[in-house]
Amino acid sequence: MTRAERLLWSQLRRSDVRFRRQMPVLDYVADFACRKARLIVELDGESHMGERVDRDERREAALCRDGWLVLRITNDQLFEGGYAIAEFIVELARTRMLERGWPLSAMPASDS
């Protein structure tokens, strides 16, 4: 894992919402994902610039067609926002879980 991935993972795994890292979704591997919320979090470093942008856009479109919300965060945004970014991600996941009919009592349970 990159430094940014380690930072975000250290926060996400402490929440009551179950995230997985490097989770296969369709033909892709998501950096972080919450299956119950159908939320994918992608951390973008310098490797996601230039010609890779087109590939990322096609990937995101395929995931969205399959019902996933893809949240893209740059490493710089994560380093600047830190804990607030992680809190936003967890709250977004909780909201999406509730919208999808998961009761609050089901949130801490495994989403595998």
PDB file of N, CA and C in Angstrom:
ATOM      1  N   MET A   1       0.834  -1.182   0.000  1.00  0.00           N
ATOM      2  CA  MET A   1       0.000   0.000   0.000  1.00  0.00           C
ATOM      3  C   MET A   1       0.880   1.247   0.000  1.00  0.00           C
ATOM      4  N   THR A   2       0.351   2.274  -0.634  1.00  0.00           N
ATOM      5  CA  THR A   2       1.047   3.553  -0.636  1.00  0.00           C
ATOM      6  C   THR A   2       0.848   4.232   0.716  1.00  0.00           C
ATOM      7  N   ARG A   3       1.585   5.302   0.948  1.00  0.00           N
ATOM      8  CA  ARG A   3       1.442   6.063   2.191  1.00  0.00           C
ATOM      9  C   ARG A   3      -0.001   6.572   2.343  1.00  0.00           C
ATOM     10  N   ALA A   4      -0.581   7.081   1.267  1.00  0.00           N
ATOM     11  CA  ALA A   4      -1.958   7.582   1.304  1.00  0.00           C
ATOM     12  C   ALA A   4      -2.934   6.451   1.614  1.00  0.00           C
ATOM     13  N   GLU A   5      -2.750   5.297   0.995  1.00  0.00           N
ATOM     14  CA  GLU A   5      -3.639   4.157   1.250  1.00  0.00           C
ATOM     15  C   GLU A   5      -3.538   3.699   2.697  1.00  0.00           C
ATOM     16  N   ARG A   6      -2.327   3.670   3.242  1.00  0.00           N
ATOM     17  CA  ARG A   6      -2.160   3.276   4.650  1.00  0.00           C
ATOM     18  C   ARG A   6      -2.876   4.253   5.580  1.00  0.00           C
ATOM     19  N   LEU A   7      -2.769   5.543   5.274  1.00  0.00           N
ATOM     20  CA  LEU A   7      -3.420   6.556   6.099  1.00  0.00           C
ATOM     21  C   LEU A   7      -4.942   6.375   6.076  1.00  0.00           C
ATOM     22  N   LEU A   8      -5.513   6.249   4.880  1.00  0.00           N
ATOM     23  CA  LEU A   8      -6.960   6.103   4.781  1.00  0.00           C
ATOM     24  C   LEU A   8      -7.422   4.788   5.395  1.00  0.00           C
ATOM     25  N   TRP A   9      -6.710   3.714   5.131  1.00  0.00           N
ATOM     26  CA  TRP A   9      -7.099   2.413   5.669  1.00  0.00           C
ATOM     27  C   TRP A   9      -7.083   2.417   7.195  1.00  0.00           C
ATOM     28  N   SER A  10      -6.107   3.097   7.786  1.00  0.00           N
ATOM     29  CA  SER A  10      -6.038   3.142   9.252  1.00  0.00           C
ATOM     30  C   SER A  10      -7.286   3.792   9.838  1.00  0.00           C
ATOM     31  N   GLN A  11      -7.897   4.715   9.100  1.00  0.00           N
ATOM     32  CA  GLN A  11      -9.119   5.366   9.562  1.00  0.00           C
ATOM     33  C   GLN A  11     -10.368   4.542   9.243  1.00  0.00           C
ATOM     34  N   LEU A  12     -10.460   4.040   8.027  1.00  0.00           N
ATOM     35  CA  LEU A  12     -11.663   3.300   7.622  1.00  0.00           C
ATOM     36  C   LEU A  12     -11.866   2.035   8.435  1.00  0.00           C
ATOM     37  N   ARG A  13     -10.812   1.329   8.739  1.00  0.00           N
ATOM     38  CA  ARG A  13     -10.980   0.059   9.450  1.00  0.00           C
ATOM     39  C   ARG A  13     -11.401   0.248  10.903  1.00  0.00           C
ATOM     40  N   ARG A  14     -11.290   1.472  11.417  1.00  0.00           N
ATOM     41  CA  ARG A  14     -11.728   1.757  12.789  1.00  0.00           C
ATOM     42  C   ARG A  14     -13.207   2.127  12.862  1.00  0.00           C
ATOM     43  N   SER A  15     -13.819   2.336  11.716  1.00  0.00           N
ATOM     44  CA  SER A  15     -15.224   2.752  11.716  1.00  0.00           C
ATOM     45  C   SER A  15     -16.134   1.547  11.919  1.00  0.00           C
ATOM     46  N   ASP A  16     -17.423   1.834  12.132  1.00  0.00           N
ATOM     47  CA  ASP A  16     -18.401   0.758  12.288  1.00  0.00           C
ATOM     48  C   ASP A  16     -18.943   0.290  10.939  1.00  0.00           C
ATOM     49  N   VAL A  17     -18.430   0.861   9.852  1.00  0.00           N
ATOM     50  CA  VAL A  17     -18.831   0.467   8.501  1.00  0.00           C
ATOM     51  C   VAL A  17     -17.722  -0.413   7.934  1.00  0.00           C
ATOM     52  N   ARG A  18     -18.111  -1.525   7.357  1.00  0.00           N
ATOM     53  CA  ARG A  18     -17.136  -2.496   6.852  1.00  0.00           C
ATOM     54  C   ARG A  18     -16.671  -2.116   5.460  1.00  0.00           C
ATOM     55  N   PHE A  19     -15.395  -1.789   5.358  1.00  0.00           N
ATOM     56  CA  PHE A  19     -14.734  -1.548   4.082  1.00  0.00           C
ATOM     57  C   PHE A  19     -13.745  -2.678   3.825  1.00  0.00           C
ATOM     58  N   ARG A  20     -13.526  -2.962   2.575  1.00  0.00           N
ATOM     59  CA  ARG A  20     -12.468  -3.889   2.183  1.00  0.00           C
ATOM     60  C   ARG A  20     -11.484  -3.127   1.324  1.00  0.00           C
ATOM     61  N   ARG A  21     -10.251  -3.517   1.362  1.00  0.00           N
ATOM     62  CA  ARG A  21      -9.270  -2.889   0.480  1.00  0.00           C
ATOM     63  C   ARG A  21      -8.907  -3.872  -0.618  1.00  0.00           C
ATOM     64  N   GLN A  22      -8.559  -3.321  -1.762  1.00  0.00           N
ATOM     65  CA  GLN A  22      -8.196  -4.120  -2.939  1.00  0.00           C
ATOM     66  C   GLN A  22      -9.282  -5.150  -3.243  1.00  0.00           C
ATOM     67  N   MET A  23     -10.515  -4.680  -3.288  1.00  0.00           N
ATOM     68  CA  MET A  23     -11.658  -5.565  -3.507  1.00  0.00           C
ATOM     69  C   MET A  23     -11.978  -5.683  -4.995  1.00  0.00           C
ATOM     70  N   PRO A  24     -12.050  -6.899  -5.521  1.00  0.00           N
ATOM     71  CA  PRO A  24     -12.450  -7.080  -6.921  1.00  0.00           C
ATOM     72  C   PRO A  24     -13.916  -6.677  -7.122  1.00  0.00           C
ATOM     73  N   VAL A  25     -14.154  -5.843  -8.132  1.00  0.00           N
ATOM     74  CA  VAL A  25     -15.503  -5.425  -8.516  1.00  0.00           C
ATOM     75  C   VAL A  25     -15.534  -5.430 -10.037  1.00  0.00           C
ATOM     76  N   LEU A  26     -16.437  -6.221 -10.610  1.00  0.00           N
ATOM     77  CA  LEU A  26     -16.469  -6.424 -12.064  1.00  0.00           C
ATOM     78  C   LEU A  26     -15.093  -6.897 -12.506  1.00  0.00           C
ATOM     79  N   ASP A  27     -14.499  -6.225 -13.477  1.00  0.00           N
ATOM     80  CA  ASP A  27     -13.168  -6.615 -13.958  1.00  0.00           C
ATOM     81  C   ASP A  27     -12.074  -5.740 -13.373  1.00  0.00           C
ATOM     82  N   TYR A  28     -12.360  -5.086 -12.269  1.00  0.00           N
ATOM     83  CA  TYR A  28     -11.439  -4.118 -11.686  1.00  0.00           C
ATOM     84  C   TYR A  28     -11.132  -4.481 -10.248  1.00  0.00           C
ATOM     85  N   VAL A  29     -10.163  -3.778  -9.682  1.00  0.00           N
ATOM     86  CA  VAL A  29      -9.857  -3.909  -8.260  1.00  0.00           C
ATOM     87  C   VAL A  29      -9.966  -2.512  -7.657  1.00  0.00           C
ATOM     88  N   ALA A  30     -10.904  -2.360  -6.725  1.00  0.00           N
ATOM     89  CA  ALA A  30     -11.120  -1.074  -6.071  1.00  0.00           C
ATOM     90  C   ALA A  30     -10.118  -0.900  -4.936  1.00  0.00           C
ATOM     91  N   ASP A  31      -9.620   0.321  -4.776  1.00  0.00           N
ATOM     92  CA  ASP A  31      -8.718   0.584  -3.655  1.00  0.00           C
ATOM     93  C   ASP A  31      -9.408   0.245  -2.340  1.00  0.00           C
ATOM     94  N   PHE A  32     -10.620   0.800  -2.150  1.00  0.00           N
ATOM     95  CA  PHE A  32     -11.430   0.533  -0.958  1.00  0.00           C
ATOM     96  C   PHE A  32     -12.887   0.443  -1.393  1.00  0.00           C
ATOM     97  N   ALA A  33     -13.644  -0.444  -0.774  1.00  0.00           N
ATOM     98  CA  ALA A  33     -15.048  -0.574  -1.144  1.00  0.00           C
ATOM     99  C   ALA A  33     -15.874  -1.035   0.048  1.00  0.00           C
ATOM    100  N   CYS A  34     -17.091  -0.529   0.074  1.00  0.00           N
ATOM    101  CA  CYS A  34     -18.099  -0.988   1.038  1.00  0.00           C
ATOM    102  C   CYS A  34     -19.221  -1.600   0.211  1.00  0.00           C
ATOM    103  N   ARG A  35     -19.343  -2.898   0.278  1.00  0.00           N
ATOM    104  CA  ARG A  35     -20.326  -3.610  -0.558  1.00  0.00           C
ATOM    105  C   ARG A  35     -21.760  -3.203  -0.221  1.00  0.00           C
ATOM    106  N   LYS A  36     -22.100  -3.113   1.064  1.00  0.00           N
ATOM    107  CA  LYS A  36     -23.471  -2.781   1.443  1.00  0.00           C
ATOM    108  C   LYS A  36     -23.868  -1.391   0.957  1.00  0.00           C
ATOM    109  N   ALA A  37     -22.925  -0.472   0.925  1.00  0.00           N
ATOM    110  CA  ALA A  37     -23.201   0.891   0.468  1.00  0.00           C
ATOM    111  C   ALA A  37     -23.004   1.034  -1.037  1.00  0.00           C
ATOM    112  N   ARG A  38     -22.421   0.026  -1.660  1.00  0.00           N
ATOM    113  CA  ARG A  38     -22.057   0.095  -3.091  1.00  0.00           C
ATOM    114  C   ARG A  38     -21.250   1.367  -3.343  1.00  0.00           C
ATOM    115  N   LEU A  39     -20.234   1.531  -2.479  1.00  0.00           N
ATOM    116  CA  LEU A  39     -19.363   2.703  -2.521  1.00  0.00           C
ATOM    117  C   LEU A  39     -17.929   2.256  -2.728  1.00  0.00           C
ATOM    118  N   ILE A  40     -17.290   2.862  -3.713  1.00  0.00           N
ATOM    119  CA  ILE A  40     -15.882   2.605  -3.988  1.00  0.00           C
ATOM    120  C   ILE A  40     -15.119   3.896  -3.766  1.00  0.00           C
ATOM    121  N   VAL A  41     -13.980   3.792  -3.094  1.00  0.00           N
ATOM    122  CA  VAL A  41     -13.107   4.938  -2.880  1.00  0.00           C
ATOM    123  C   VAL A  41     -11.799   4.654  -3.598  1.00  0.00           C
ATOM    124  N   GLU A  42     -11.459   5.534  -4.517  1.00  0.00           N
ATOM    125  CA  GLU A  42     -10.215   5.425  -5.268  1.00  0.00           C
ATOM    126  C   GLU A  42      -9.288   6.559  -4.868  1.00  0.00           C
ATOM    127  N   LEU A  43      -8.068   6.215  -4.489  1.00  0.00           N
ATOM    128  CA  LEU A  43      -7.052   7.216  -4.196  1.00  0.00           C
ATOM    129  C   LEU A  43      -6.190   7.391  -5.431  1.00  0.00           C
ATOM    130  N   ASP A  44      -6.088   8.624  -5.877  1.00  0.00           N
ATOM    131  CA  ASP A  44      -5.355   8.906  -7.104  1.00  0.00           C
ATOM    132  C   ASP A  44      -4.076   9.679  -6.817  1.00  0.00           C
ATOM    133  N   GLY A  45      -2.969   9.054  -7.163  1.00  0.00           N
ATOM    134  CA  GLY A  45      -1.679   9.723  -7.073  1.00  0.00           C
ATOM    135  C   GLY A  45      -1.262  10.200  -8.453  1.00  0.00           C
ATOM    136  N   GLU A  46       0.007  10.444  -8.623  1.00  0.00           N
ATOM    137  CA  GLU A  46       0.520  10.940  -9.899  1.00  0.00           C
ATOM    138  C   GLU A  46       0.300   9.957 -11.040  1.00  0.00           C
ATOM    139  N   SER A  47       0.207   8.677 -10.752  1.00  0.00           N
ATOM    140  CA  SER A  47       0.031   7.678 -11.815  1.00  0.00           C
ATOM    141  C   SER A  47      -1.329   7.791 -12.491  1.00  0.00           C
ATOM    142  N   HIS A  48      -2.249   8.558 -11.911  1.00  0.00           N
ATOM    143  CA  HIS A  48      -3.592   8.695 -12.488  1.00  0.00           C
ATOM    144  C   HIS A  48      -3.718   9.941 -13.347  1.00  0.00           C
ATOM    145  N   MET A  49      -2.603  10.492 -13.759  1.00  0.00           N
ATOM    146  CA  MET A  49      -2.620  11.677 -14.612  1.00  0.00           C
ATOM    147  C   MET A  49      -2.391  11.258 -16.066  1.00  0.00           C
ATOM    148  N   GLY A  50      -2.576  12.175 -16.990  1.00  0.00           N
ATOM    149  CA  GLY A  50      -2.280  11.925 -18.397  1.00  0.00           C
ATOM    150  C   GLY A  50      -3.216  10.942 -19.044  1.00  0.00           C
ATOM    151  N   GLU A  51      -2.653   9.994 -19.806  1.00  0.00           N
ATOM    152  CA  GLU A  51      -3.470   9.050 -20.577  1.00  0.00           C
ATOM    153  C   GLU A  51      -4.261   8.099 -19.691  1.00  0.00           C
ATOM    154  N   ARG A  52      -3.890   7.943 -18.465  1.00  0.00           N
ATOM    155  CA  ARG A  52      -4.605   7.057 -17.550  1.00  0.00           C
ATOM    156  C   ARG A  52      -5.994   7.612 -17.201  1.00  0.00           C
ATOM    157  N   VAL A  53      -6.191   8.917 -17.379  1.00  0.00           N
ATOM    158  CA  VAL A  53      -7.471   9.550 -17.062  1.00  0.00           C
ATOM    159  C   VAL A  53      -8.593   8.917 -17.872  1.00  0.00           C
ATOM    160  N   ASP A  54      -8.366   8.691 -19.173  1.00  0.00           N
ATOM    161  CA  ASP A  54      -9.391   8.062 -20.018  1.00  0.00           C
ATOM    162  C   ASP A  54      -9.756   6.678 -19.505  1.00  0.00           C
ATOM    163  N   ARG A  55      -8.770   5.903 -19.140  1.00  0.00           N
ATOM    164  CA  ARG A  55      -9.015   4.555 -18.620  1.00  0.00           C
ATOM    165  C   ARG A  55      -9.795   4.614 -17.304  1.00  0.00           C
ATOM    166  N   ASP A  56      -9.433   5.551 -16.435  1.00  0.00           N
ATOM    167  CA  ASP A  56     -10.150   5.716 -15.166  1.00  0.00           C
ATOM    168  C   ASP A  56     -11.604   6.105 -15.416  1.00  0.00           C
ATOM    169  N   GLU A  57     -11.844   6.977 -16.396  1.00  0.00           N
ATOM    170  CA  GLU A  57     -13.216   7.400 -16.705  1.00  0.00           C
ATOM    171  C   GLU A  57     -14.048   6.235 -17.239  1.00  0.00           C
ATOM    172  N   ARG A  58     -13.478   5.401 -18.097  1.00  0.00           N
ATOM    173  CA  ARG A  58     -14.200   4.225 -18.598  1.00  0.00           C
ATOM    174  C   ARG A  58     -14.506   3.251 -17.467  1.00  0.00           C
ATOM    175  N   ARG A  59     -13.549   3.059 -16.600  1.00  0.00           N
ATOM    176  CA  ARG A  59     -13.717   2.172 -15.453  1.00  0.00           C
ATOM    177  C   ARG A  59     -14.831   2.686 -14.547  1.00  0.00           C
ATOM    178  N   GLU A  60     -14.806   3.986 -14.251  1.00  0.00           N
ATOM    179  CA  GLU A  60     -15.816   4.576 -13.385  1.00  0.00           C
ATOM    180  C   GLU A  60     -17.208   4.465 -14.008  1.00  0.00           C
ATOM    181  N   ALA A  61     -17.304   4.675 -15.306  1.00  0.00           N
ATOM    182  CA  ALA A  61     -18.600   4.565 -15.993  1.00  0.00           C
ATOM    183  C   ALA A  61     -19.149   3.146 -15.879  1.00  0.00           C
ATOM    184  N   ALA A  62     -18.310   2.143 -16.050  1.00  0.00           N
ATOM    185  CA  ALA A  62     -18.753   0.747 -15.939  1.00  0.00           C
ATOM    186  C   ALA A  62     -19.226   0.441 -14.518  1.00  0.00           C
ATOM    187  N   LEU A  63     -18.495   0.917 -13.533  1.00  0.00           N
ATOM    188  CA  LEU A  63     -18.879   0.674 -12.141  1.00  0.00           C
ATOM    189  C   LEU A  63     -20.194   1.380 -11.801  1.00  0.00           C
ATOM    190  N   CYS A  64     -20.366   2.603 -12.298  1.00  0.00           N
ATOM    191  CA  CYS A  64     -21.613   3.349 -12.045  1.00  0.00           C
ATOM    192  C   CYS A  64     -22.799   2.655 -12.703  1.00  0.00           C
ATOM    193  N   ARG A  65     -22.607   2.125 -13.908  1.00  0.00           N
ATOM    194  CA  ARG A  65     -23.691   1.389 -14.567  1.00  0.00           C
ATOM    195  C   ARG A  65     -24.110   0.172 -13.741  1.00  0.00           C
ATOM    196  N   ASP A  66     -23.171  -0.371 -12.979  1.00  0.00           N
ATOM    197  CA  ASP A  66     -23.453  -1.536 -12.144  1.00  0.00           C
ATOM    198  C   ASP A  66     -23.978  -1.143 -10.759  1.00  0.00           C
ATOM    199  N   GLY A  67     -24.228   0.153 -10.543  1.00  0.00           N
ATOM    200  CA  GLY A  67     -24.821   0.600  -9.286  1.00  0.00           C
ATOM    201  C   GLY A  67     -23.860   1.076  -8.221  1.00  0.00           C
ATOM    202  N   TRP A  68     -22.598   1.191  -8.546  1.00  0.00           N
ATOM    203  CA  TRP A  68     -21.607   1.662  -7.589  1.00  0.00           C
ATOM    204  C   TRP A  68     -21.433   3.170  -7.692  1.00  0.00           C
ATOM    205  N   LEU A  69     -21.178   3.810  -6.567  1.00  0.00           N
ATOM    206  CA  LEU A  69     -20.760   5.209  -6.541  1.00  0.00           C
ATOM    207  C   LEU A  69     -19.252   5.192  -6.359  1.00  0.00           C
ATOM    208  N   VAL A  70     -18.545   5.878  -7.237  1.00  0.00           N
ATOM    209  CA  VAL A  70     -17.086   5.925  -7.164  1.00  0.00           C
ATOM    210  C   VAL A  70     -16.673   7.308  -6.680  1.00  0.00           C
ATOM    211  N   LEU A  71     -15.985   7.339  -5.564  1.00  0.00           N
ATOM    212  CA  LEU A  71     -15.477   8.574  -4.982  1.00  0.00           C
ATOM    213  C   LEU A  71     -13.979   8.617  -5.238  1.00  0.00           C
ATOM    214  N   ARG A  72     -13.541   9.599  -6.000  1.00  0.00           N
ATOM    215  CA  ARG A  72     -12.129   9.739  -6.323  1.00  0.00           C
ATOM    216  C   ARG A  72     -11.524  10.831  -5.458  1.00  0.00           C
ATOM    217  N   ILE A  73     -10.441  10.505  -4.790  1.00  0.00           N
ATOM    218  CA  ILE A  73      -9.755  11.447  -3.917  1.00  0.00           C
ATOM    219  C   ILE A  73      -8.285  11.427  -4.299  1.00  0.00           C
ATOM    220  N   THR A  74      -7.703  12.599  -4.459  1.00  0.00           N
ATOM    221  CA  THR A  74      -6.275  12.636  -4.748  1.00  0.00           C
ATOM    222  C   THR A  74      -5.503  12.451  -3.439  1.00  0.00           C
ATOM    223  N   ASN A  75      -4.297  11.985  -3.581  1.00  0.00           N
ATOM    224  CA  ASN A  75      -3.451  11.835  -2.397  1.00  0.00           C
ATOM    225  C   ASN A  75      -3.298  13.168  -1.681  1.00  0.00           C
ATOM    226  N   ASP A  76      -3.124  14.244  -2.445  1.00  0.00           N
ATOM    227  CA  ASP A  76      -2.967  15.574  -1.839  1.00  0.00           C
ATOM    228  C   ASP A  76      -4.198  15.954  -1.026  1.00  0.00           C
ATOM    229  N   GLN A  77      -5.397  15.685  -1.553  1.00  0.00           N
ATOM    230  CA  GLN A  77      -6.619  15.978  -0.805  1.00  0.00           C
ATOM    231  C   GLN A  77      -6.654  15.201   0.500  1.00  0.00           C
ATOM    232  N   LEU A  78      -6.254  13.941   0.437  1.00  0.00           N
ATOM    233  CA  LEU A  78      -6.256  13.112   1.640  1.00  0.00           C
ATOM    234  C   LEU A  78      -5.276  13.646   2.665  1.00  0.00           C
ATOM    235  N   PHE A  79      -4.066  13.992   2.232  1.00  0.00           N
ATOM    236  CA  PHE A  79      -3.060  14.488   3.173  1.00  0.00           C
ATOM    237  C   PHE A  79      -3.479  15.828   3.779  1.00  0.00           C
ATOM    238  N   GLU A  80      -4.169  16.657   2.999  1.00  0.00           N
ATOM    239  CA  GLU A  80      -4.632  17.947   3.521  1.00  0.00           C
ATOM    240  C   GLU A  80      -5.843  17.790   4.429  1.00  0.00           C
ATOM    241  N   GLY A  81      -6.764  16.887   4.077  1.00  0.00           N
ATOM    242  CA  GLY A  81      -8.009  16.735   4.828  1.00  0.00           C
ATOM    243  C   GLY A  81      -7.991  15.670   5.886  1.00  0.00           C
ATOM    244  N   GLY A  82      -7.132  14.683   5.727  1.00  0.00           N
ATOM    245  CA  GLY A  82      -6.941  13.616   6.710  1.00  0.00           C
ATOM    246  C   GLY A  82      -8.206  13.015   7.280  1.00  0.00           C
ATOM    247  N   TYR A  83      -8.375  13.200   8.582  1.00  0.00           N
ATOM    248  CA  TYR A  83      -9.481  12.582   9.302  1.00  0.00           C
ATOM    249  C   TYR A  83     -10.842  13.043   8.782  1.00  0.00           C
ATOM    250  N   ALA A  84     -10.939  14.303   8.376  1.00  0.00           N
ATOM    251  CA  ALA A  84     -12.222  14.807   7.869  1.00  0.00           C
ATOM    252  C   ALA A  84     -12.631  14.064   6.604  1.00  0.00           C
ATOM    253  N   ILE A  85     -11.672  13.721   5.748  1.00  0.00           N
ATOM    254  CA  ILE A  85     -11.967  12.958   4.527  1.00  0.00           C
ATOM    255  C   ILE A  85     -12.494  11.580   4.912  1.00  0.00           C
ATOM    256  N   ALA A  86     -11.827  10.924   5.838  1.00  0.00           N
ATOM    257  CA  ALA A  86     -12.258   9.587   6.269  1.00  0.00           C
ATOM    258  C   ALA A  86     -13.647   9.649   6.893  1.00  0.00           C
ATOM    259  N   GLU A  87     -13.914  10.659   7.703  1.00  0.00           N
ATOM    260  CA  GLU A  87     -15.236  10.804   8.315  1.00  0.00           C
ATOM    261  C   GLU A  87     -16.304  11.017   7.249  1.00  0.00           C
ATOM    262  N   PHE A  88     -16.002  11.821   6.229  1.00  0.00           N
ATOM    263  CA  PHE A  88     -16.945  12.044   5.141  1.00  0.00           C
ATOM    264  C   PHE A  88     -17.263  10.726   4.432  1.00  0.00           C
ATOM    265  N   ILE A  89     -16.242   9.934   4.154  1.00  0.00           N
ATOM    266  CA  ILE A  89     -16.423   8.657   3.467  1.00  0.00           C
ATOM    267  C   ILE A  89     -17.320   7.732   4.286  1.00  0.00           C
ATOM    268  N   VAL A  90     -17.073   7.643   5.581  1.00  0.00           N
ATOM    269  CA  VAL A  90     -17.868   6.765   6.447  1.00  0.00           C
ATOM    270  C   VAL A  90     -19.318   7.249   6.500  1.00  0.00           C
ATOM    271  N   GLU A  91     -19.525   8.552   6.624  1.00  0.00           N
ATOM    272  CA  GLU A  91     -20.894   9.090   6.657  1.00  0.00           C
ATOM    273  C   GLU A  91     -21.612   8.854   5.335  1.00  0.00           C
ATOM    274  N   LEU A  92     -20.904   9.016   4.231  1.00  0.00           N
ATOM    275  CA  LEU A  92     -21.488   8.744   2.924  1.00  0.00           C
ATOM    276  C   LEU A  92     -21.890   7.272   2.823  1.00  0.00           C
ATOM    277  N   ALA A  93     -21.039   6.386   3.301  1.00  0.00           N
ATOM    278  CA  ALA A  93     -21.358   4.957   3.284  1.00  0.00           C
ATOM    279  C   ALA A  93     -22.595   4.668   4.137  1.00  0.00           C
ATOM    280  N   ARG A  94     -22.666   5.255   5.326  1.00  0.00           N
ATOM    281  CA  ARG A  94     -23.829   5.045   6.191  1.00  0.00           C
ATOM    282  C   ARG A  94     -25.107   5.508   5.500  1.00  0.00           C
ATOM    283  N   THR A  95     -25.055   6.683   4.898  1.00  0.00           N
ATOM    284  CA  THR A  95     -26.226   7.223   4.203  1.00  0.00           C
ATOM    285  C   THR A  95     -26.664   6.301   3.076  1.00  0.00           C
ATOM    286  N   ARG A  96     -25.710   5.843   2.289  1.00  0.00           N
ATOM    287  CA  ARG A  96     -26.044   4.948   1.172  1.00  0.00           C
ATOM    288  C   ARG A  96     -26.591   3.610   1.673  1.00  0.00           C
ATOM    289  N   MET A  97     -26.064   3.126   2.788  1.00  0.00           N
ATOM    290  CA  MET A  97     -26.572   1.877   3.348  1.00  0.00           C
ATOM    291  C   MET A  97     -28.024   2.034   3.768  1.00  0.00           C
ATOM    292  N   LEU A  98     -28.333   3.135   4.424  1.00  0.00           N
ATOM    293  CA  LEU A  98     -29.714   3.386   4.845  1.00  0.00           C
ATOM    294  C   LEU A  98     -30.629   3.512   3.633  1.00  0.00           C
ATOM    295  N   GLU A  99     -30.164   4.208   2.602  1.00  0.00           N
ATOM    296  CA  GLU A  99     -30.954   4.350   1.369  1.00  0.00           C
ATOM    297  C   GLU A  99     -31.214   3.003   0.713  1.00  0.00           C
ATOM    298  N   ARG A 100     -30.284   2.092   0.875  1.00  0.00           N
ATOM    299  CA  ARG A 100     -30.416   0.772   0.258  1.00  0.00           C
ATOM    300  C   ARG A 100     -31.161  -0.203   1.168  1.00  0.00           C
ATOM    301  N   GLY A 101     -31.649   0.282   2.322  1.00  0.00           N
ATOM    302  CA  GLY A 101     -32.480  -0.549   3.178  1.00  0.00           C
ATOM    303  C   GLY A 101     -31.758  -1.327   4.253  1.00  0.00           C
ATOM    304  N   TRP A 102     -30.512  -1.029   4.513  1.00  0.00           N
ATOM    305  CA  TRP A 102     -29.803  -1.712   5.590  1.00  0.00           C
ATOM    306  C   TRP A 102     -30.130  -1.008   6.900  1.00  0.00           C
ATOM    307  N   PRO A 103     -30.645  -1.718   7.886  1.00  0.00           N
ATOM    308  CA  PRO A 103     -30.941  -1.088   9.174  1.00  0.00           C
ATOM    309  C   PRO A 103     -29.647  -0.715   9.902  1.00  0.00           C
ATOM    310  N   LEU A 104     -29.738   0.276  10.766  1.00  0.00           N
ATOM    311  CA  LEU A 104     -28.557   0.707  11.511  1.00  0.00           C
ATOM    312  C   LEU A 104     -27.904  -0.452  12.249  1.00  0.00           C
ATOM    313  N   SER A 105     -28.699  -1.367  12.760  1.00  0.00           N
ATOM    314  CA  SER A 105     -28.134  -2.499  13.508  1.00  0.00           C
ATOM    315  C   SER A 105     -27.311  -3.416  12.625  1.00  0.00           C
ATOM    316  N   ALA A 106     -27.505  -3.346  11.303  1.00  0.00           N
ATOM    317  CA  ALA A 106     -26.756  -4.208  10.391  1.00  0.00           C
ATOM    318  C   ALA A 106     -25.426  -3.605   9.990  1.00  0.00           C
ATOM    319  N   MET A 107     -25.204  -2.340  10.290  1.00  0.00           N
ATOM    320  CA  MET A 107     -23.999  -1.680   9.821  1.00  0.00           C
ATOM    321  C   MET A 107     -22.698  -2.305  10.305  1.00  0.00           C
ATOM    322  N   PRO A 108     -22.548  -2.626  11.583  1.00  0.00           N
ATOM    323  CA  PRO A 108     -21.258  -3.175  11.997  1.00  0.00           C
ATOM    324  C   PRO A 108     -21.005  -4.598  11.488  1.00  0.00           C
ATOM    325  N   ALA A 109     -22.014  -5.258  11.006  1.00  0.00           N
ATOM    326  CA  ALA A 109     -21.846  -6.650  10.567  1.00  0.00           C
ATOM    327  C   ALA A 109     -21.005  -6.717   9.300  1.00  0.00           C
ATOM    328  N   SER A 110     -20.411  -7.844   9.076  1.00  0.00           N
ATOM    329  CA  SER A 110     -19.607  -8.069   7.876  1.00  0.00           C
ATOM    330  C   SER A 110     -20.457  -7.937   6.626  1.00  0.00           C
ATOM    331  N   ASP A 111     -19.878  -7.331   5.593  1.00  0.00           N
ATOM    332  CA  ASP A 111     -20.631  -7.185   4.350  1.00  0.00           C
ATOM    333  C   ASP A 111     -20.103  -8.103   3.258  1.00  0.00           C
ATOM    334  N   SER A 112     -19.414  -9.123   3.636  1.00  0.00           N
ATOM    335  CA  SER A 112     -18.872 -10.056   2.649  1.00  0.00           C
ATOM    336  C   SER A 112     -19.943 -10.926   2.068  1.00  0.00           C
TER     337      SER A 112
END
